Every structure is written in C-alpha cells, then in structure tokens.
C-alpha cells in the first residue's frame, strides 16, 4: 500500500486568493485601530474612546454628544464586544488561510463585521462622537 502525500498542491490562482485574503483582512484590522472617533476635539480609536467615555461620562463629550447619550454604557459596550469578536475571528481566519484549513470563518467574520457596523452607527460611539472634525 502506497502512502499518499498529504501536502495539497496549491495552484497559482489559490495562492493569489490566499494572499489577497491575508492582505485585505490585515488591512481591515490595522484600519480599525486608527483614531476614527473625535471626542471634544481629541481623536481616539474605538477602544480608547470607549474607556474615555466610561471614565468621564458626559463631561468627556461635546455638548451635542452629551445631549444625545443617555449615559447607558451598555449601548456602547455591546457594539464594542461585537467588534472585538470580529477582530478575533478575523485573526483566526487569517491563521486558517495560512495553515490552508477550510474553516469558512470568513462568513462569520462578514456577519460580525456587518453587525458591528450597524451597532456602531445606531447605538455606538459613532452616535456621540463629534461630527465637526
């Protein structure tokens, strides 16, 4: 009985697809860490903005942001948790692509990314951040 070589041959097309996936997911993870949120004239990334609001409450927001926010941290925490799950699944997907495992995590990542976007735009930090800058 012959031993079957378990290494799968990867075509040029598959190599390109893998490379594009890795690059695009890495870019999305890097872009997510940029300071997108402006609170009282100062820029914050998602996590630092959440902790700023958690620490200072409405006094850490502009008048417009303070007038909108009810003070309920759960409305900010849920989108943050969903986004954290998005990032973890993105990293897991990159690892599965590198290891050439077909786990289909990209579908989960897409759903989590869409959910995080909707939550941030409707209840998250995007609703209380300054829009003037």
N, C-alpha and C. Protein backbone atom coordinates (compact mmCIF):
# COMPACT_ATOMS: atom_id res chain seq x y z
N UNK A 1 0.84 -1.18 0.00
CA UNK A 1 0.00 0.00 0.00
C UNK A 1 0.89 1.25 0.00
N UNK A 2 0.60 2.16 -0.89
CA UNK A 2 1.39 3.37 -1.04
C UNK A 2 0.91 4.45 -0.09
N UNK A 3 1.83 5.18 0.47
CA UNK A 3 1.48 6.33 1.31
C UNK A 3 1.13 7.50 0.40
N UNK A 4 0.02 8.10 0.69
CA UNK A 4 -0.43 9.24 -0.11
C UNK A 4 0.18 10.50 0.48
N UNK A 5 0.76 11.29 -0.39
CA UNK A 5 1.34 12.55 0.06
C UNK A 5 0.22 13.48 0.50
N UNK A 6 0.28 13.90 1.76
CA UNK A 6 -0.82 14.69 2.31
C UNK A 6 -0.71 16.18 1.98
N UNK A 7 0.41 16.59 1.45
CA UNK A 7 0.53 18.00 1.09
C UNK A 7 -0.26 18.27 -0.18
N UNK A 8 -1.16 19.20 -0.05
CA UNK A 8 -2.03 19.54 -1.16
C UNK A 8 -1.31 20.54 -2.08
N UNK A 9 -1.38 20.27 -3.35
CA UNK A 9 -0.80 21.20 -4.31
C UNK A 9 -1.68 22.44 -4.41
N UNK A 10 -1.04 23.59 -4.37
CA UNK A 10 -1.79 24.85 -4.44
C UNK A 10 -1.54 25.47 -5.80
N UNK A 11 -2.62 25.76 -6.48
CA UNK A 11 -2.49 26.38 -7.80
C UNK A 11 -2.13 27.86 -7.64
N UNK A 12 -1.72 28.45 -8.73
CA UNK A 12 -1.36 29.86 -8.73
C UNK A 12 -2.56 30.72 -8.35
N UNK A 13 -3.74 30.35 -8.84
CA UNK A 13 -4.96 31.08 -8.53
C UNK A 13 -5.26 31.03 -7.03
N UNK A 14 -5.10 29.86 -6.42
CA UNK A 14 -5.33 29.72 -4.98
C UNK A 14 -4.32 30.52 -4.17
N UNK A 15 -3.09 30.56 -4.61
CA UNK A 15 -2.06 31.35 -3.92
C UNK A 15 -2.41 32.83 -3.95
N UNK A 16 -2.90 33.29 -5.11
CA UNK A 16 -3.29 34.70 -5.24
C UNK A 16 -4.48 34.99 -4.33
N UNK A 17 -5.48 34.09 -4.32
CA UNK A 17 -6.65 34.28 -3.46
C UNK A 17 -6.25 34.31 -1.98
N UNK A 18 -5.35 33.43 -1.59
CA UNK A 18 -4.88 33.40 -0.20
C UNK A 18 -4.16 34.70 0.15
N UNK A 19 -3.31 35.14 -0.74
CA UNK A 19 -2.55 36.37 -0.49
C UNK A 19 -3.47 37.58 -0.37
N UNK A 20 -4.44 37.66 -1.28
CA UNK A 20 -5.39 38.77 -1.24
C UNK A 20 -6.20 38.74 0.05
N UNK A 21 -6.65 37.57 0.46
CA UNK A 21 -7.40 37.44 1.71
C UNK A 21 -6.58 37.91 2.90
N UNK A 22 -5.36 37.46 2.97
CA UNK A 22 -4.50 37.83 4.10
C UNK A 22 -4.27 39.33 4.12
N UNK A 23 -3.97 39.91 2.97
CA UNK A 23 -3.70 41.35 2.90
C UNK A 23 -4.95 42.15 3.27
N UNK A 24 -6.09 41.80 2.72
CA UNK A 24 -7.31 42.56 2.99
C UNK A 24 -7.75 42.46 4.45
N UNK A 25 -7.69 41.27 5.01
CA UNK A 25 -8.07 41.13 6.42
C UNK A 25 -7.08 41.85 7.34
N UNK A 26 -5.81 41.83 6.99
CA UNK A 26 -4.81 42.55 7.78
C UNK A 26 -5.05 44.05 7.70
N UNK A 27 -5.36 44.55 6.52
CA UNK A 27 -5.66 45.97 6.35
C UNK A 27 -6.88 46.36 7.19
N UNK A 28 -7.92 45.53 7.19
CA UNK A 28 -9.11 45.86 7.98
C UNK A 28 -8.79 45.90 9.47
N UNK A 29 -7.90 45.02 9.93
CA UNK A 29 -7.52 45.03 11.35
C UNK A 29 -6.68 46.27 11.70
N UNK A 30 -5.80 46.66 10.78
CA UNK A 30 -4.97 47.85 11.03
C UNK A 30 -5.82 49.11 10.99
N UNK A 31 -6.70 49.22 10.00
CA UNK A 31 -7.55 50.41 9.88
C UNK A 31 -8.46 50.57 11.10
N UNK A 32 -8.88 49.47 11.68
CA UNK A 32 -9.76 49.53 12.85
C UNK A 32 -9.07 50.14 14.06
N UNK A 33 -7.74 50.14 14.08
CA UNK A 33 -7.00 50.68 15.22
C UNK A 33 -6.68 52.17 15.08
N UNK A 34 -7.04 52.74 13.95
CA UNK A 34 -6.78 54.17 13.75
C UNK A 34 -7.75 55.02 14.57
N UNK A 35 -7.36 56.24 14.90
CA UNK A 35 -8.23 57.12 15.71
C UNK A 35 -9.36 57.73 14.89
N UNK A 36 -10.46 57.03 14.76
CA UNK A 36 -11.59 57.47 13.96
C UNK A 36 -12.57 58.35 14.72
N UNK A 37 -12.56 58.27 16.04
CA UNK A 37 -13.56 58.96 16.85
C UNK A 37 -12.99 60.24 17.43
N UNK A 38 -13.74 61.34 17.30
CA UNK A 38 -13.34 62.63 17.85
C UNK A 38 -14.29 62.95 19.00
N UNK A 39 -13.73 63.09 20.18
CA UNK A 39 -14.50 63.45 21.37
C UNK A 39 -13.89 64.70 21.97
N UNK A 40 -14.65 65.76 21.98
CA UNK A 40 -14.19 67.06 22.48
C UNK A 40 -12.90 67.50 21.80
N UNK A 41 -12.84 67.31 20.50
CA UNK A 41 -11.70 67.78 19.72
C UNK A 41 -10.48 66.88 19.72
N UNK A 42 -10.49 65.79 20.47
CA UNK A 42 -9.35 64.88 20.52
C UNK A 42 -9.72 63.56 19.86
N UNK A 43 -8.77 62.99 19.12
CA UNK A 43 -9.02 61.75 18.37
C UNK A 43 -8.71 60.52 19.22
N UNK A 44 -9.58 59.50 19.07
CA UNK A 44 -9.43 58.24 19.79
C UNK A 44 -9.73 57.08 18.87
N UNK A 45 -9.07 55.94 19.12
CA UNK A 45 -9.50 54.74 18.42
C UNK A 45 -10.70 54.18 19.18
N UNK A 46 -11.29 53.12 18.69
CA UNK A 46 -12.53 52.60 19.25
C UNK A 46 -12.40 52.27 20.74
N UNK A 47 -11.35 51.56 21.10
CA UNK A 47 -11.21 51.12 22.49
C UNK A 47 -10.90 52.27 23.44
N UNK A 48 -9.99 53.15 23.02
CA UNK A 48 -9.66 54.28 23.89
C UNK A 48 -10.84 55.24 24.01
N UNK A 49 -11.65 55.37 22.96
CA UNK A 49 -12.84 56.23 23.04
C UNK A 49 -13.84 55.66 24.04
N UNK A 50 -14.03 54.35 24.01
CA UNK A 50 -14.94 53.72 24.97
C UNK A 50 -14.48 53.96 26.40
N UNK A 51 -13.19 53.74 26.66
CA UNK A 51 -12.68 53.92 28.02
C UNK A 51 -12.69 55.40 28.44
N UNK A 52 -12.53 56.29 27.48
CA UNK A 52 -12.64 57.73 27.78
C UNK A 52 -14.07 58.06 28.22
N UNK A 53 -15.05 57.57 27.47
CA UNK A 53 -16.45 57.83 27.82
C UNK A 53 -16.81 57.14 29.13
N UNK A 54 -16.30 55.95 29.33
CA UNK A 54 -16.57 55.22 30.57
C UNK A 54 -16.00 55.99 31.78
N UNK A 55 -14.84 56.57 31.60
CA UNK A 55 -14.19 57.27 32.71
C UNK A 55 -14.82 58.64 32.98
N UNK A 56 -15.07 59.41 31.93
CA UNK A 56 -15.52 60.79 32.11
C UNK A 56 -17.03 60.99 31.96
N UNK A 57 -17.72 60.01 31.39
CA UNK A 57 -19.16 60.15 31.20
C UNK A 57 -19.49 61.29 30.25
N UNK A 58 -20.58 62.00 30.51
CA UNK A 58 -21.00 63.08 29.61
C UNK A 58 -20.04 64.26 29.62
N UNK A 59 -19.24 64.41 30.69
CA UNK A 59 -18.28 65.52 30.71
C UNK A 59 -17.14 65.31 29.71
N UNK A 60 -16.96 64.08 29.23
CA UNK A 60 -15.94 63.80 28.22
C UNK A 60 -16.43 63.95 26.80
N UNK A 61 -17.68 64.40 26.67
CA UNK A 61 -18.29 64.55 25.34
C UNK A 61 -18.56 66.02 25.05
N UNK A 62 -18.72 66.32 23.78
CA UNK A 62 -19.14 67.67 23.41
C UNK A 62 -20.60 67.85 23.84
N UNK A 63 -21.09 69.07 23.75
CA UNK A 63 -22.48 69.33 24.14
C UNK A 63 -23.45 68.52 23.28
N UNK A 64 -23.17 68.43 22.00
CA UNK A 64 -24.06 67.68 21.10
C UNK A 64 -24.06 66.19 21.47
N UNK A 65 -22.89 65.64 21.73
CA UNK A 65 -22.81 64.23 22.11
C UNK A 65 -23.45 63.96 23.45
N UNK A 66 -23.24 64.86 24.41
CA UNK A 66 -23.83 64.69 25.75
C UNK A 66 -25.35 64.79 25.71
N UNK A 67 -25.87 65.60 24.79
CA UNK A 67 -27.33 65.73 24.71
C UNK A 67 -27.98 64.49 24.10
N UNK A 68 -27.24 63.74 23.30
CA UNK A 68 -27.78 62.54 22.66
C UNK A 68 -27.67 61.32 23.58
N UNK A 69 -26.56 61.21 24.30
CA UNK A 69 -26.28 59.99 25.08
C UNK A 69 -27.07 59.96 26.36
N UNK A 70 -27.65 58.81 26.64
CA UNK A 70 -28.45 58.63 27.85
C UNK A 70 -27.60 58.27 29.06
N UNK A 71 -26.35 57.98 28.85
CA UNK A 71 -25.47 57.57 29.94
C UNK A 71 -25.41 56.06 30.10
N UNK A 72 -26.12 55.34 29.25
CA UNK A 72 -26.15 53.89 29.32
C UNK A 72 -24.91 53.31 28.64
N UNK A 73 -23.97 52.79 29.43
CA UNK A 73 -22.74 52.23 28.86
C UNK A 73 -22.99 50.94 28.09
N UNK A 74 -24.09 50.26 28.38
CA UNK A 74 -24.39 49.03 27.66
C UNK A 74 -24.57 49.28 26.17
N UNK A 75 -25.11 50.46 25.83
CA UNK A 75 -25.28 50.81 24.42
C UNK A 75 -23.95 50.99 23.70
N UNK A 76 -22.90 51.26 24.46
CA UNK A 76 -21.56 51.36 23.87
C UNK A 76 -20.79 50.06 23.99
N UNK A 77 -21.09 49.30 25.04
CA UNK A 77 -20.35 48.06 25.30
C UNK A 77 -20.72 46.95 24.32
N UNK A 78 -21.99 46.82 23.97
CA UNK A 78 -22.41 45.74 23.05
C UNK A 78 -21.74 45.87 21.68
N UNK A 79 -21.75 47.05 21.04
CA UNK A 79 -21.03 47.16 19.76
C UNK A 79 -19.54 46.90 19.91
N UNK A 80 -18.97 47.29 21.05
CA UNK A 80 -17.54 47.06 21.29
C UNK A 80 -17.25 45.57 21.39
N UNK A 81 -18.10 44.82 22.05
CA UNK A 81 -17.91 43.37 22.18
C UNK A 81 -18.05 42.70 20.82
N UNK A 82 -19.05 43.10 20.06
CA UNK A 82 -19.25 42.51 18.72
C UNK A 82 -18.04 42.82 17.84
N UNK A 83 -17.50 44.03 17.95
CA UNK A 83 -16.33 44.38 17.16
C UNK A 83 -15.11 43.59 17.61
N UNK A 84 -14.98 43.38 18.92
CA UNK A 84 -13.88 42.55 19.43
C UNK A 84 -13.96 41.13 18.89
N UNK A 85 -15.17 40.59 18.83
CA UNK A 85 -15.36 39.25 18.24
C UNK A 85 -15.01 39.25 16.77
N UNK A 86 -15.37 40.34 16.07
CA UNK A 86 -15.00 40.48 14.66
C UNK A 86 -13.48 40.40 14.49
N UNK A 87 -12.77 41.13 15.34
CA UNK A 87 -11.30 41.13 15.23
C UNK A 87 -10.71 39.77 15.55
N UNK A 88 -11.20 39.11 16.58
CA UNK A 88 -10.70 37.78 16.93
C UNK A 88 -10.96 36.77 15.81
N UNK A 89 -12.15 36.81 15.25
CA UNK A 89 -12.46 35.89 14.14
C UNK A 89 -11.66 36.23 12.89
N UNK A 90 -11.37 37.50 12.68
CA UNK A 90 -10.53 37.89 11.54
C UNK A 90 -9.13 37.31 11.68
N UNK A 91 -8.57 37.41 12.87
CA UNK A 91 -7.24 36.83 13.12
C UNK A 91 -7.29 35.31 12.94
N UNK A 92 -8.34 34.68 13.47
CA UNK A 92 -8.49 33.23 13.31
C UNK A 92 -8.60 32.86 11.83
N UNK A 93 -9.32 33.67 11.06
CA UNK A 93 -9.45 33.39 9.63
C UNK A 93 -8.10 33.51 8.93
N UNK A 94 -7.33 34.54 9.25
CA UNK A 94 -6.00 34.70 8.65
C UNK A 94 -5.15 33.47 8.95
N UNK A 95 -5.22 33.00 10.19
CA UNK A 95 -4.43 31.82 10.57
C UNK A 95 -4.89 30.59 9.79
N UNK A 96 -6.21 30.42 9.63
CA UNK A 96 -6.68 29.26 8.86
C UNK A 96 -6.28 29.34 7.39
N UNK A 97 -6.20 30.53 6.85
CA UNK A 97 -5.75 30.68 5.46
C UNK A 97 -4.27 30.31 5.36
N UNK A 98 -3.47 30.77 6.31
CA UNK A 98 -2.04 30.45 6.30
C UNK A 98 -1.82 28.95 6.45
N UNK A 99 -2.61 28.32 7.33
CA UNK A 99 -2.48 26.88 7.56
C UNK A 99 -3.20 26.03 6.51
N UNK A 100 -3.88 26.70 5.58
CA UNK A 100 -4.62 26.05 4.50
C UNK A 100 -5.70 25.11 5.02
N UNK A 101 -6.42 25.59 6.02
CA UNK A 101 -7.57 24.85 6.54
C UNK A 101 -8.83 25.53 6.03
N UNK A 102 -9.79 24.77 5.65
CA UNK A 102 -11.03 25.33 5.09
C UNK A 102 -12.09 25.38 6.19
N UNK A 103 -12.05 26.43 7.00
CA UNK A 103 -12.97 26.55 8.13
C UNK A 103 -14.13 27.49 7.86
N UNK A 104 -14.11 28.20 6.77
CA UNK A 104 -15.19 29.13 6.38
C UNK A 104 -15.47 30.19 7.45
N UNK A 105 -14.44 30.61 8.14
CA UNK A 105 -14.60 31.67 9.13
C UNK A 105 -14.91 33.01 8.49
N UNK A 106 -14.61 33.14 7.20
CA UNK A 106 -14.87 34.41 6.53
C UNK A 106 -16.35 34.77 6.54
N UNK A 107 -17.23 33.78 6.55
CA UNK A 107 -18.66 34.05 6.61
C UNK A 107 -19.03 34.62 7.98
N UNK A 108 -18.48 34.03 9.03
CA UNK A 108 -18.72 34.53 10.38
C UNK A 108 -18.15 35.94 10.54
N UNK A 109 -16.96 36.16 10.00
CA UNK A 109 -16.33 37.48 10.07
C UNK A 109 -17.19 38.52 9.35
N UNK A 110 -17.71 38.16 8.20
CA UNK A 110 -18.55 39.09 7.44
C UNK A 110 -19.80 39.46 8.23
N UNK A 111 -20.45 38.48 8.83
CA UNK A 111 -21.66 38.75 9.62
C UNK A 111 -21.34 39.61 10.84
N UNK A 112 -20.25 39.28 11.55
CA UNK A 112 -19.86 40.08 12.72
C UNK A 112 -19.47 41.50 12.32
N UNK A 113 -18.78 41.65 11.20
CA UNK A 113 -18.40 42.99 10.73
C UNK A 113 -19.61 43.83 10.39
N UNK A 114 -20.57 43.22 9.73
CA UNK A 114 -21.80 43.93 9.37
C UNK A 114 -22.59 44.30 10.62
N UNK A 115 -22.68 43.37 11.57
CA UNK A 115 -23.39 43.64 12.82
C UNK A 115 -22.70 44.75 13.61
N UNK A 116 -21.37 44.71 13.68
CA UNK A 116 -20.63 45.75 14.39
C UNK A 116 -20.85 47.11 13.75
N UNK A 117 -20.83 47.16 12.42
CA UNK A 117 -21.05 48.42 11.72
C UNK A 117 -22.43 48.98 12.03
N UNK A 118 -23.45 48.14 11.94
CA UNK A 118 -24.81 48.61 12.22
C UNK A 118 -24.96 49.07 13.68
N UNK A 119 -24.39 48.32 14.59
CA UNK A 119 -24.49 48.69 16.01
C UNK A 119 -23.77 50.00 16.30
N UNK A 120 -22.60 50.18 15.72
CA UNK A 120 -21.86 51.42 15.96
C UNK A 120 -22.56 52.63 15.36
N UNK A 121 -23.19 52.44 14.23
CA UNK A 121 -23.86 53.56 13.58
C UNK A 121 -25.20 53.91 14.23
N UNK A 122 -25.80 52.95 14.92
CA UNK A 122 -27.12 53.21 15.51
C UNK A 122 -27.08 53.44 17.01
N UNK A 123 -26.21 52.76 17.73
CA UNK A 123 -26.19 52.91 19.20
C UNK A 123 -24.79 53.15 19.75
N UNK A 124 -23.78 53.00 18.95
CA UNK A 124 -22.41 53.02 19.46
C UNK A 124 -21.79 54.40 19.52
N UNK A 125 -20.47 54.39 19.56
CA UNK A 125 -19.71 55.62 19.71
C UNK A 125 -19.89 56.59 18.55
N UNK A 126 -20.23 56.10 17.38
CA UNK A 126 -20.42 56.98 16.23
C UNK A 126 -21.57 57.95 16.46
N UNK A 127 -22.53 57.59 17.32
CA UNK A 127 -23.67 58.46 17.56
C UNK A 127 -23.33 59.62 18.48
N UNK A 128 -22.30 59.48 19.32
CA UNK A 128 -21.98 60.54 20.28
C UNK A 128 -20.67 61.25 19.96
N UNK A 129 -19.95 60.78 18.96
CA UNK A 129 -18.69 61.41 18.58
C UNK A 129 -18.96 62.74 17.88
N UNK A 130 -18.00 63.65 17.97
CA UNK A 130 -18.13 64.95 17.29
C UNK A 130 -18.12 64.73 15.80
N UNK A 131 -18.99 65.40 15.11
CA UNK A 131 -19.06 65.25 13.66
C UNK A 131 -18.40 66.43 12.95
N UNK A 132 -17.94 67.38 13.71
CA UNK A 132 -17.39 68.60 13.10
C UNK A 132 -15.99 68.41 12.58
N UNK A 133 -15.31 67.35 12.96
CA UNK A 133 -13.91 67.19 12.53
C UNK A 133 -13.69 65.94 11.78
